[in-house]
Protein backbone atom coordinates (compact mmCIF):
# COMPACT_ATOMS: atom_id res chain seq x y z
CA MET A 1 2.12 81.23 -54.09
CA SER A 2 1.96 77.70 -54.11
CA HIS A 3 -1.53 76.56 -55.80
CA ARG A 4 -1.34 73.47 -57.14
CA HIS A 5 -3.85 72.59 -59.91
CA LEU A 6 -4.12 68.87 -60.17
CA LEU A 7 -6.35 69.23 -63.28
CA PRO A 8 -5.93 72.30 -65.01
CA ALA A 9 -8.02 74.09 -66.91
CA LEU A 10 -5.98 74.33 -70.01
CA ALA A 11 -5.58 70.55 -70.07
CA LEU A 12 -9.24 69.37 -70.27
CA GLY A 13 -9.63 69.18 -74.06
CA ALA A 14 -6.46 66.92 -74.21
CA LEU A 15 -8.08 64.66 -71.73
CA GLY A 16 -11.26 64.19 -73.80
CA CYS A 17 -13.34 66.34 -71.70
CA LYS A 18 -16.19 68.01 -73.42
CA PRO A 19 -17.67 70.71 -70.50
CA GLY A 20 -20.46 72.74 -71.49
CA LEU A 21 -18.33 75.68 -70.09
CA ASP A 22 -14.92 76.54 -70.88
CA ALA A 23 -13.91 78.15 -67.49
CA SER A 24 -10.26 79.27 -66.38
CA PHE A 25 -9.43 78.64 -62.95
CA GLN A 26 -6.50 80.64 -61.38
CA PRO A 27 -5.06 81.00 -57.82
CA ASN A 28 -6.10 84.34 -56.23
CA PRO A 29 -2.82 86.72 -56.16
CA ILE A 30 -3.33 87.43 -52.44
CA CYS A 31 -4.86 84.56 -50.69
CA ASP A 32 -3.61 80.88 -51.09
CA LEU A 33 -7.27 80.02 -49.79
CA SER A 34 -8.92 81.30 -52.86
CA SER A 35 -9.24 81.00 -56.45
CA VAL A 36 -10.43 83.38 -59.51
CA VAL A 37 -12.81 81.72 -61.77
CA THR A 38 -13.62 83.23 -65.09
CA TRP A 39 -15.68 82.13 -68.32
CA THR A 40 -17.92 83.63 -70.77
CA THR A 41 -21.60 82.41 -72.01
CA ASP A 42 -23.18 83.27 -75.42
CA GLU A 43 -26.47 84.60 -73.61
CA PRO A 44 -27.26 86.15 -70.13
CA ALA A 45 -26.97 83.72 -67.24
CA SER A 46 -26.61 83.50 -63.47
CA SER A 47 -23.27 81.98 -62.26
CA TRP A 48 -21.61 80.46 -59.62
CA VAL A 49 -19.07 77.90 -58.46
CA GLU A 50 -19.59 74.86 -56.62
CA VAL A 51 -16.89 73.59 -53.98
CA SER A 52 -16.79 70.08 -53.38
CA LEU A 53 -14.58 68.12 -50.58
CA ASP A 54 -13.92 64.22 -50.72
CA ASP A 55 -16.61 63.99 -53.48
CA GLN A 56 -18.99 65.91 -50.66
CA ALA A 57 -20.84 69.01 -52.24
CA LEU A 58 -19.97 71.67 -49.59
CA PHE A 59 -21.20 75.17 -50.75
CA LYS A 60 -21.55 77.49 -53.85
CA VAL A 61 -20.38 80.79 -54.39
CA GLY A 62 -21.34 83.25 -57.13
CA ASP A 63 -23.96 85.72 -58.41
CA ASP A 64 -27.82 85.51 -59.74
CA THR A 65 -27.42 88.78 -61.76
CA PRO A 66 -27.66 87.69 -65.54
CA ALA A 67 -24.05 88.07 -67.61
CA THR A 68 -22.21 86.91 -70.16
CA GLU A 69 -18.88 87.48 -68.70
CA HIS A 70 -18.55 85.80 -65.55
CA LYS A 71 -15.70 86.01 -62.59
CA VAL A 72 -16.42 84.62 -59.17
CA ILE A 73 -13.68 84.74 -56.44
CA VAL A 74 -14.29 81.70 -54.51
CA VAL A 75 -13.64 82.08 -50.81
CA GLY A 76 -14.82 79.70 -48.02
CA MET A 77 -12.05 77.20 -48.27
CA THR A 78 -9.93 76.48 -45.58
CA GLU A 79 -6.00 75.48 -45.51
CA LEU A 80 -4.32 72.06 -46.72
CA GLN A 81 -7.27 70.95 -48.39
CA ASP A 82 -7.77 68.98 -51.97
CA TYR A 83 -10.96 70.82 -53.20
CA ALA A 84 -12.91 70.31 -56.43
CA LEU A 85 -14.22 73.23 -58.20
CA GLU A 86 -16.73 73.43 -60.76
CA ALA A 87 -18.30 76.45 -62.92
CA VAL A 88 -22.16 76.77 -63.45
CA SER A 89 -24.13 79.15 -65.40
CA VAL A 90 -28.26 78.79 -65.75
CA THR A 91 -29.65 80.88 -68.56
CA GLN A 92 -32.81 82.99 -67.99
CA GLU A 93 -34.57 79.93 -69.91
CA GLY A 94 -33.32 77.54 -67.32
CA ARG A 95 -30.56 75.77 -69.29
CA GLU A 96 -27.79 74.64 -67.17
CA LEU A 97 -23.95 74.52 -68.38
CA ARG A 98 -21.26 73.40 -66.42
CA SER A 99 -17.54 73.03 -66.74
CA ALA A 100 -15.48 70.09 -65.92
CA SER A 101 -14.23 69.71 -62.40
CA VAL A 102 -10.97 71.12 -61.78
CA ASP A 103 -8.99 70.02 -58.53
CA PHE A 104 -7.59 73.19 -56.20
CA THR A 105 -5.11 72.30 -53.43
CA THR A 106 -4.84 75.41 -50.71
CA SER A 107 -1.73 76.07 -49.40
CA ALA A 108 -1.06 76.20 -45.53
CA LEU A 109 -1.82 79.55 -43.96
CA PRO A 110 1.21 82.26 -44.69
CA HIS A 111 1.79 82.54 -41.19
CA PRO A 112 1.80 79.78 -38.20
CA TRP A 113 0.04 82.39 -35.90
CA LEU A 114 -2.78 83.20 -38.36
CA GLN A 115 -5.37 81.21 -36.64
CA GLY A 116 -7.17 80.78 -33.25
CA HIS A 117 -9.62 78.40 -32.04
CA VAL A 118 -13.57 78.21 -31.17
CA SER A 119 -14.17 77.28 -27.50
CA VAL A 120 -18.03 78.00 -27.16
CA SER A 121 -20.23 78.23 -29.90
CA ASP A 122 -24.43 77.82 -29.61
CA PRO A 123 -25.56 77.84 -33.30
CA SER A 124 -29.04 78.33 -31.93
CA GLN A 125 -27.93 81.71 -30.19
CA VAL A 126 -25.51 83.30 -32.71
CA GLN A 127 -26.21 85.65 -35.37
CA PRO A 128 -25.65 83.53 -38.39
CA GLY A 129 -22.54 84.83 -40.24
CA TRP A 130 -18.87 85.17 -40.85
CA ILE A 131 -16.58 87.50 -38.92
CA ALA A 132 -14.33 90.06 -40.50
CA ALA A 133 -11.49 91.24 -38.38
CA ASN A 134 -8.14 92.90 -38.34
CA VAL A 135 -5.28 90.73 -36.65
CA MET A 136 -2.33 92.66 -35.33
CA THR A 137 0.96 91.32 -33.91
CA ALA A 138 2.12 94.58 -31.87
CA SER A 139 1.35 97.81 -31.53
CA ILE A 140 3.36 98.60 -34.86
CA GLY A 141 2.93 95.44 -37.06
CA PRO A 142 1.42 94.18 -40.71
CA VAL A 143 -1.74 95.42 -41.65
CA ILE A 144 -3.55 92.14 -41.78
CA ALA A 145 -7.39 91.40 -42.63
CA VAL A 146 -9.37 88.18 -42.50
CA LEU A 147 -12.57 86.45 -42.82
CA LEU A 148 -13.46 83.97 -40.39
CA ASN A 149 -16.21 81.26 -41.17
CA GLU A 150 -18.71 80.18 -38.53
CA GLY A 151 -16.16 77.47 -37.49
CA GLY A 152 -13.51 80.18 -36.81
CA GLN A 153 -11.32 78.94 -39.56
CA VAL A 154 -9.54 81.74 -41.77
CA VAL A 155 -10.93 81.34 -45.17
CA TRP A 156 -9.71 84.47 -46.76
CA TYR A 157 -6.92 87.13 -45.66
CA TYR A 158 -5.01 90.20 -47.04
CA ILE A 159 -1.83 91.20 -45.73
CA HIS A 160 -0.88 94.62 -46.92
CA ASP A 161 2.17 94.87 -48.91
CA GLY A 162 3.41 98.60 -47.67
CA ASP A 163 5.14 99.09 -44.31
CA ASP A 164 3.90 98.33 -41.03
CA GLY A 165 0.89 100.13 -39.61
CA GLY A 166 -0.39 100.78 -35.98
CA ALA A 167 -2.59 98.33 -34.09
CA ASP A 168 -6.01 100.41 -34.74
CA ILE A 169 -6.72 99.12 -37.98
CA GLN A 170 -10.37 98.62 -38.71
CA VAL A 171 -11.97 96.39 -41.55
CA SER A 172 -15.38 97.44 -42.86
CA TRP A 173 -17.28 94.85 -45.04
CA PHE A 174 -19.65 96.20 -47.76
CA PRO A 175 -21.86 93.09 -49.13
CA ASP A 176 -23.25 94.57 -52.25
CA ARG A 177 -19.74 95.45 -53.30
CA ARG A 178 -18.10 92.62 -51.90
CA GLU A 179 -15.26 95.04 -51.06
CA MET A 180 -13.44 95.45 -47.54
CA LEU A 181 -12.30 99.20 -46.02
CA ILE A 182 -9.05 98.74 -44.42
CA GLY A 183 -7.24 101.74 -42.30
CA PRO A 184 -6.98 104.12 -40.84
CA HIS A 185 -3.62 103.70 -39.15
CA MET A 186 -1.31 103.10 -42.13
CA ALA A 187 2.25 103.84 -42.15
CA GLY A 188 3.75 107.29 -43.41
CA GLY A 189 3.77 107.29 -47.24
CA ASP A 190 0.73 104.76 -47.34
CA ARG A 191 -2.95 104.92 -47.62
CA PRO A 192 -6.10 103.46 -46.25
CA VAL A 193 -7.86 101.44 -48.91
CA ARG A 194 -10.83 99.73 -49.96
CA ILE A 195 -10.33 96.36 -51.85
CA ASP A 196 -12.16 93.46 -53.30
CA LEU A 197 -11.63 89.52 -52.68
CA GLU A 198 -8.55 89.85 -55.35
CA GLY A 199 -6.85 92.93 -53.98
CA GLN A 200 -8.17 95.23 -56.50
CA VAL A 201 -8.29 98.76 -55.02
CA SER A 202 -11.38 100.77 -55.63
CA TRP A 203 -10.50 103.49 -53.14
CA GLU A 204 -7.44 105.00 -51.64
CA GLY A 205 -7.50 107.79 -48.79
CA PRO A 206 -5.27 110.22 -48.40
CA GLU A 207 -1.35 109.52 -48.34
CA GLN A 208 -0.36 109.40 -44.31
CA PRO A 209 2.58 111.51 -43.05
CA GLY A 210 5.00 110.55 -40.59
CA ASP A 211 7.50 107.90 -39.59
CA PRO A 212 6.01 104.36 -39.96
CA HIS A 213 7.91 103.00 -37.38
CA THR A 214 7.01 104.89 -34.11
CA ILE A 215 4.07 104.09 -31.79
CA ASN A 216 3.41 107.96 -31.40
CA ILE A 217 0.90 109.08 -33.79
CA GLN A 218 2.12 111.72 -36.02
CA ASP A 219 0.96 115.17 -36.85
CA GLY A 220 -1.79 114.67 -39.66
CA GLN A 221 -1.80 111.12 -39.40
CA LEU A 222 -5.20 109.41 -39.58
CA HIS A 223 -5.75 106.86 -36.40
CA HIS A 224 -8.49 104.59 -34.88
CA VAL A 225 -11.58 105.86 -36.80
CA LEU A 226 -12.38 105.21 -40.52
CA TRP A 227 -16.05 104.77 -41.71
CA GLU A 228 -17.90 105.32 -45.06
CA THR A 229 -20.50 107.79 -45.24
CA ASP A 230 -23.87 107.11 -47.16
CA ASP A 231 -22.48 109.47 -50.05
CA GLY A 232 -19.29 107.71 -50.62
CA GLY A 233 -17.18 110.00 -48.18
CA HIS A 234 -15.39 108.92 -45.26
CA VAL A 235 -15.10 109.96 -41.59
CA ALA A 236 -11.76 109.70 -39.72
CA VAL A 237 -9.87 111.25 -36.80
CA GLN A 238 -6.63 113.06 -37.52
CA CYS A 239 -4.03 113.54 -35.17
CA HIS A 240 -3.08 117.61 -34.67
CA TYR A 241 -0.43 119.19 -32.97
CA GLU A 242 -0.98 122.58 -31.62
CA GLN A 243 1.51 124.98 -29.27
CA VAL A 244 -0.46 125.64 -26.19
CA GLY A 245 1.80 128.18 -23.85
CA ASP A 246 5.18 126.09 -23.60
CA ASP A 247 3.56 122.64 -24.56
CA ASP A 248 3.65 121.15 -27.92
CA VAL A 249 0.12 119.35 -27.47
CA GLN A 250 -1.12 116.56 -29.27
CA GLY A 251 -4.84 116.83 -29.84
CA ASP A 252 -7.02 115.69 -32.81
CA ARG A 253 -9.33 116.55 -35.52
CA VAL A 254 -12.55 114.56 -36.66
CA VAL A 255 -12.65 114.79 -40.44
CA TRP A 256 -15.29 114.08 -43.17
CA LEU A 257 -13.69 113.78 -46.27
CA ASP A 258 -15.36 113.37 -49.78
CA GLN A 259 -14.95 110.69 -52.38
CA ASP A 260 -11.88 112.52 -53.58
CA ASN A 261 -10.78 113.01 -49.79
CA ASN A 262 -11.21 116.53 -49.71
CA GLU A 263 -12.42 117.92 -46.34
CA GLN A 264 -15.91 119.04 -46.33
CA TRP A 265 -16.11 118.94 -42.43
CA SER A 266 -14.14 118.95 -39.32
CA TRP A 267 -14.02 119.40 -35.66
CA ASN A 268 -10.85 120.54 -33.74
CA THR A 269 -10.40 119.57 -30.19
CA PHE A 270 -8.54 122.68 -29.47
CA ASP A 271 -11.42 124.72 -30.63
CA TRP A 272 -13.75 123.17 -28.11
CA LEU A 273 -12.18 121.70 -25.38
CA GLU A 274 -9.88 123.48 -22.78
CA TYR A 275 -6.45 122.23 -22.54
CA ASP A 276 -5.30 120.94 -18.75
CA PRO A 277 -1.50 119.12 -18.93
CA ASP A 278 -2.81 116.95 -16.18
CA ASP A 279 -5.03 115.33 -19.10
CA VAL A 280 -1.86 114.09 -20.85
CA PHE A 281 -1.45 110.57 -20.87
CA MET A 282 1.98 108.87 -20.65
CA GLY A 283 3.44 112.46 -21.84
CA LEU A 284 1.92 112.09 -25.19
CA TRP A 285 -1.86 112.40 -25.70
CA TRP A 286 -4.36 114.81 -24.67
CA THR A 287 -7.52 113.70 -26.44
CA HIS A 288 -6.63 110.29 -28.39
CA LEU A 289 -10.26 110.36 -30.20
CA ASN A 290 -11.16 106.74 -30.86
CA SER A 291 -14.51 106.45 -32.21
CA VAL A 292 -17.01 109.06 -33.90
CA ALA A 293 -20.79 108.25 -34.97
CA PHE A 294 -23.07 110.36 -36.69
CA ASP A 295 -26.65 110.89 -36.14
CA GLU A 296 -28.31 112.42 -39.54
CA THR A 297 -31.59 112.81 -37.75
CA GLU A 298 -30.26 115.41 -35.10
CA ASP A 299 -27.23 116.28 -37.40
CA VAL A 300 -24.82 115.74 -34.53
CA ALA A 301 -21.80 113.91 -33.91
CA TYR A 302 -20.69 111.38 -30.86
CA ILE A 303 -17.13 111.68 -30.16
CA ASN A 304 -15.34 109.58 -27.50
CA SER A 305 -11.94 110.56 -26.06
CA TRP A 306 -10.14 107.61 -24.55
CA VAL A 307 -7.65 109.36 -22.61
CA GLN A 308 -10.15 111.87 -20.94
CA SER A 309 -13.29 109.38 -20.44
CA LYS A 310 -15.42 111.39 -22.12
CA VAL A 311 -18.17 111.67 -24.91
CA TRP A 312 -19.19 114.84 -26.53
CA LYS A 313 -22.62 115.10 -28.28
CA VAL A 314 -21.83 117.99 -30.69
CA ASP A 315 -23.70 120.01 -33.36
CA ARG A 316 -22.14 119.48 -37.03
CA ALA A 317 -23.79 122.80 -38.02
CA THR A 318 -21.96 124.60 -35.30
CA GLY A 319 -19.49 122.53 -33.64
CA GLU A 320 -20.89 123.49 -30.16
CA ILE A 321 -20.61 120.52 -27.68
CA LEU A 322 -24.48 120.07 -26.58
CA TRP A 323 -23.47 117.80 -23.80
CA THR A 324 -20.44 115.72 -22.02
CA LEU A 325 -21.00 112.04 -20.43
CA GLY A 326 -18.47 110.71 -18.22
CA GLU A 327 -17.33 111.71 -14.63
CA GLY A 328 -17.79 115.14 -14.20
CA GLY A 329 -19.87 115.80 -17.14
CA ASP A 330 -23.52 116.85 -17.48
CA PHE A 331 -25.17 113.68 -16.68
CA ALA A 332 -25.97 112.47 -12.92
CA PRO A 333 -24.37 109.07 -12.30
CA ASP A 334 -26.32 105.71 -12.14
CA PRO A 335 -27.08 105.93 -7.96
CA ASP A 336 -27.56 101.98 -8.19
CA HIS A 337 -24.17 100.99 -9.69
CA GLU A 338 -20.64 100.84 -7.90
CA TRP A 339 -19.09 101.69 -11.24
CA PRO A 340 -21.40 104.35 -12.86
CA TRP A 341 -18.86 106.02 -15.07
CA PHE A 342 -16.64 104.60 -17.67
CA GLU A 343 -12.73 104.75 -17.97
CA MET A 344 -10.75 104.98 -20.99
CA ALA A 345 -13.36 103.29 -23.29
CA HIS A 346 -13.44 102.29 -26.97
CA SER A 347 -16.30 101.91 -29.54
CA VAL A 348 -18.91 104.24 -28.17
CA ASP A 349 -21.72 103.59 -30.43
CA PRO A 350 -25.68 105.08 -30.38
CA ILE A 351 -27.68 102.11 -30.89
CA GLY A 352 -31.18 104.26 -30.83
CA ASP A 353 -33.52 105.65 -28.20
CA ASN A 354 -30.60 107.53 -26.38
CA HIS A 355 -29.06 104.20 -25.50
CA PHE A 356 -25.00 103.94 -26.27
CA ILE A 357 -23.07 100.92 -25.94
CA MET A 358 -19.40 100.74 -25.38
CA HIS A 359 -16.18 98.61 -24.59
CA ASP A 360 -15.25 100.20 -21.13
CA ASN A 361 -11.63 99.37 -20.92
CA GLY A 362 -11.35 100.63 -16.88
CA THR A 363 -8.04 101.38 -15.36
CA ASN A 364 -5.66 99.70 -12.87
CA GLU A 365 -7.62 100.69 -10.30
CA ARG A 366 -10.56 98.90 -10.99
CA HIS A 367 -8.43 96.42 -13.17
CA TRP A 368 -11.26 94.78 -15.19
CA SER A 369 -12.94 95.38 -18.20
CA ARG A 370 -16.61 95.24 -19.42
CA VAL A 371 -19.06 96.12 -22.10
CA VAL A 372 -21.98 98.41 -21.27
CA GLU A 373 -24.93 99.76 -22.32
CA TYR A 374 -25.92 103.48 -21.09
CA ALA A 375 -29.46 104.83 -21.14
CA LEU A 376 -29.48 108.88 -21.20
CA ASP A 377 -32.58 110.79 -20.11
CA GLU A 378 -31.69 114.53 -21.71
CA THR A 379 -34.66 115.98 -19.88
CA THR A 380 -33.59 114.77 -16.22
CA MET A 381 -30.08 114.46 -17.24
CA GLN A 382 -29.69 111.03 -15.85
CA ALA A 383 -27.35 108.21 -16.83
CA GLU A 384 -28.21 104.90 -16.44
CA ILE A 385 -26.46 101.41 -17.04
CA VAL A 386 -29.25 99.15 -18.22
CA TRP A 387 -27.16 96.25 -19.42
CA GLU A 388 -23.25 95.31 -18.94
CA TYR A 389 -21.09 92.28 -19.17
CA PRO A 390 -18.64 92.66 -16.53
CA GLY A 391 -14.95 91.30 -16.61
CA ASP A 392 -14.65 90.49 -12.95
CA LEU A 393 -17.19 87.31 -13.17
CA SER A 394 -15.62 84.58 -11.19
CA GLU A 395 -15.53 82.28 -14.27
CA ASP A 396 -14.65 85.09 -16.61
CA ARG A 397 -12.13 87.52 -15.60
CA TRP A 398 -10.72 89.92 -18.51
CA TYR A 399 -9.12 93.41 -18.63
CA VAL A 400 -8.13 94.91 -21.84
CA VAL A 401 -5.91 97.98 -21.08
CA SER A 402 -5.97 99.80 -24.90
CA CYS A 403 -8.03 98.12 -27.25
CA GLY A 404 -11.62 96.99 -27.50
CA ASP A 405 -14.81 96.67 -29.66
CA ILE A 406 -18.42 96.32 -29.24
CA ASP A 407 -20.99 95.93 -32.08
CA GLN A 408 -24.95 95.59 -31.65
CA LEU A 409 -26.03 92.62 -34.00
CA ASP A 410 -29.22 91.90 -35.95
CA ASN A 411 -30.77 89.26 -33.66
CA GLY A 412 -30.02 91.63 -30.39
CA ASN A 413 -26.73 89.72 -29.59
CA ARG A 414 -23.64 91.95 -29.05
CA LEU A 415 -20.07 91.08 -30.81
CA VAL A 416 -17.15 92.09 -28.83
CA VAL A 417 -13.59 92.39 -29.08
CA ALA A 418 -11.48 91.78 -25.76
CA ASN A 419 -8.06 91.53 -26.82
CA THR A 420 -7.44 88.03 -27.74
CA ARG A 421 -11.06 87.03 -28.09
CA ILE A 422 -13.56 87.52 -30.20
CA MET A 423 -16.91 86.83 -27.97
CA GLU A 424 -20.61 87.20 -28.97
CA LEU A 425 -23.07 87.80 -25.88
CA THR A 426 -26.79 87.72 -25.44
CA LEU A 427 -28.83 90.32 -23.73
CA ALA A 428 -29.08 87.79 -20.83
CA GLY A 429 -25.42 87.77 -20.50
CA GLU A 430 -24.61 84.29 -21.87
CA LEU A 431 -21.61 83.76 -23.89
CA VAL A 432 -22.89 82.01 -26.91
CA PHE A 433 -19.52 82.18 -29.23
CA GLU A 434 -16.06 82.77 -28.34
CA TYR A 435 -12.70 82.75 -30.72
CA THR A 436 -9.18 82.95 -29.05
CA TRP A 437 -6.22 83.66 -31.24
CA ILE A 438 -3.40 81.70 -30.32
CA PRO A 439 -0.11 83.25 -29.83
CA VAL A 440 2.86 81.85 -30.68
CA ASP A 441 6.36 82.85 -29.43
CA GLU A 442 7.22 84.96 -31.97
CA THR A 443 3.91 87.08 -31.71
CA PRO A 444 3.09 87.13 -27.82
CA ASP A 445 0.75 90.43 -28.78
CA LEU A 446 -1.47 88.53 -31.36
CA ARG A 447 -4.92 90.00 -31.12
CA SER A 448 -7.69 91.73 -32.81
CA TYR A 449 -8.51 95.56 -32.63
CA GLN A 450 -11.73 95.45 -34.18
CA ALA A 451 -14.31 92.75 -35.77
CA GLU A 452 -17.62 92.71 -37.31
CA LYS A 453 -20.33 89.98 -38.20
CA ILE A 454 -21.09 89.77 -42.11
CA PRO A 455 -23.36 87.74 -43.87
CA SER A 456 -21.79 84.21 -44.91
CA LEU A 457 -20.06 84.51 -48.48
CA VAL A 458 -21.23 81.07 -49.38
CA GLN A 459 -24.34 79.23 -49.85
CA PRO A 460 -24.47 75.45 -48.46
CA LEU A 461 -25.09 72.64 -51.20
């Protein structure tokens, strides 16, 4: 790491400064854009660090919870800038204490390709906040997570120090804990992790089996799905092989693990689906599940298969499939749509009232992707497409073969990942934000698999 403190905290006394707070400013060990600031007060106080650039106050980062031991991980700074940092505490009686200002110079991003640009941004319509995303450089590559500010600048990054993982890495941000869940497709011998902004690990998932340097998912390996349940456990998809006749078939299990990674529920594709050799894709995958959602009210799971282009509603108590959505399933297709069915979809998400959003990749026959919302009527068994943003628009043609993500945002917009692009769309189909990763010669496959909008971690000054 190449941080440069132009006015180190240890030298303040020698220069005759008499700050109200004696704070320590240290570089963040995992990110050259970030600093770790610590100090102590004699009485409980709220605390934050103020960040300035060229004598202009920018933002503050901190915690309003009164304490005597204070630690702030300063994020929000961008590469190659000379900032000034100042620690601040306010006691419960309103007395303000400040440290001397300390200069902090950020380094360049660790890889030249770890950046992109914003081509569209309408602040009046965009959901406020930052973006948390993974960054992938190939089908097997470094495990990388980033935070992007409103301007699309990287303001924090984490590069996992294990072997390369799969392209289907997801990141999930927990604002109350200021932690990030990273996984599931880690290398053989490695584990998914939950970390704070300093890289401290608070949870590790199961150790992963298999060879870390192959695109084919190994037996027992977690892939594509990893999210935390309300009880602190985790839901994931696990590759599972079984012998069916003469075929060694790659299916999947959905697993629900408790906090100690003990399995408390599972659903095995071999128990509930009929194997057909014609369903195997590229000689590798029979089911290839890539999204799972739970509905606690009905005690059901919604499980999506990329290869079979099907979504199943599953009774969690019995494992029984209650219905199948997709061509040849239990619902009648939308009679008013030329393409009523999704093909090899990702990111199927129930958003309430039997409405589902998904990233419909499409196949070479259609040769364009879309994001789509279905409304399902379980009485008439009718599937209706009530919203979509198609990739065959004359001004915006796009086709993503094997990745993709869509999230419902608080303001009603949809955040979409489409290969190199992260887009925000209104319900009227207007593109109000677009960020594009910029591939360089060494990383032509630079893109994200998944992203989510999170609250900004800084407050403007």
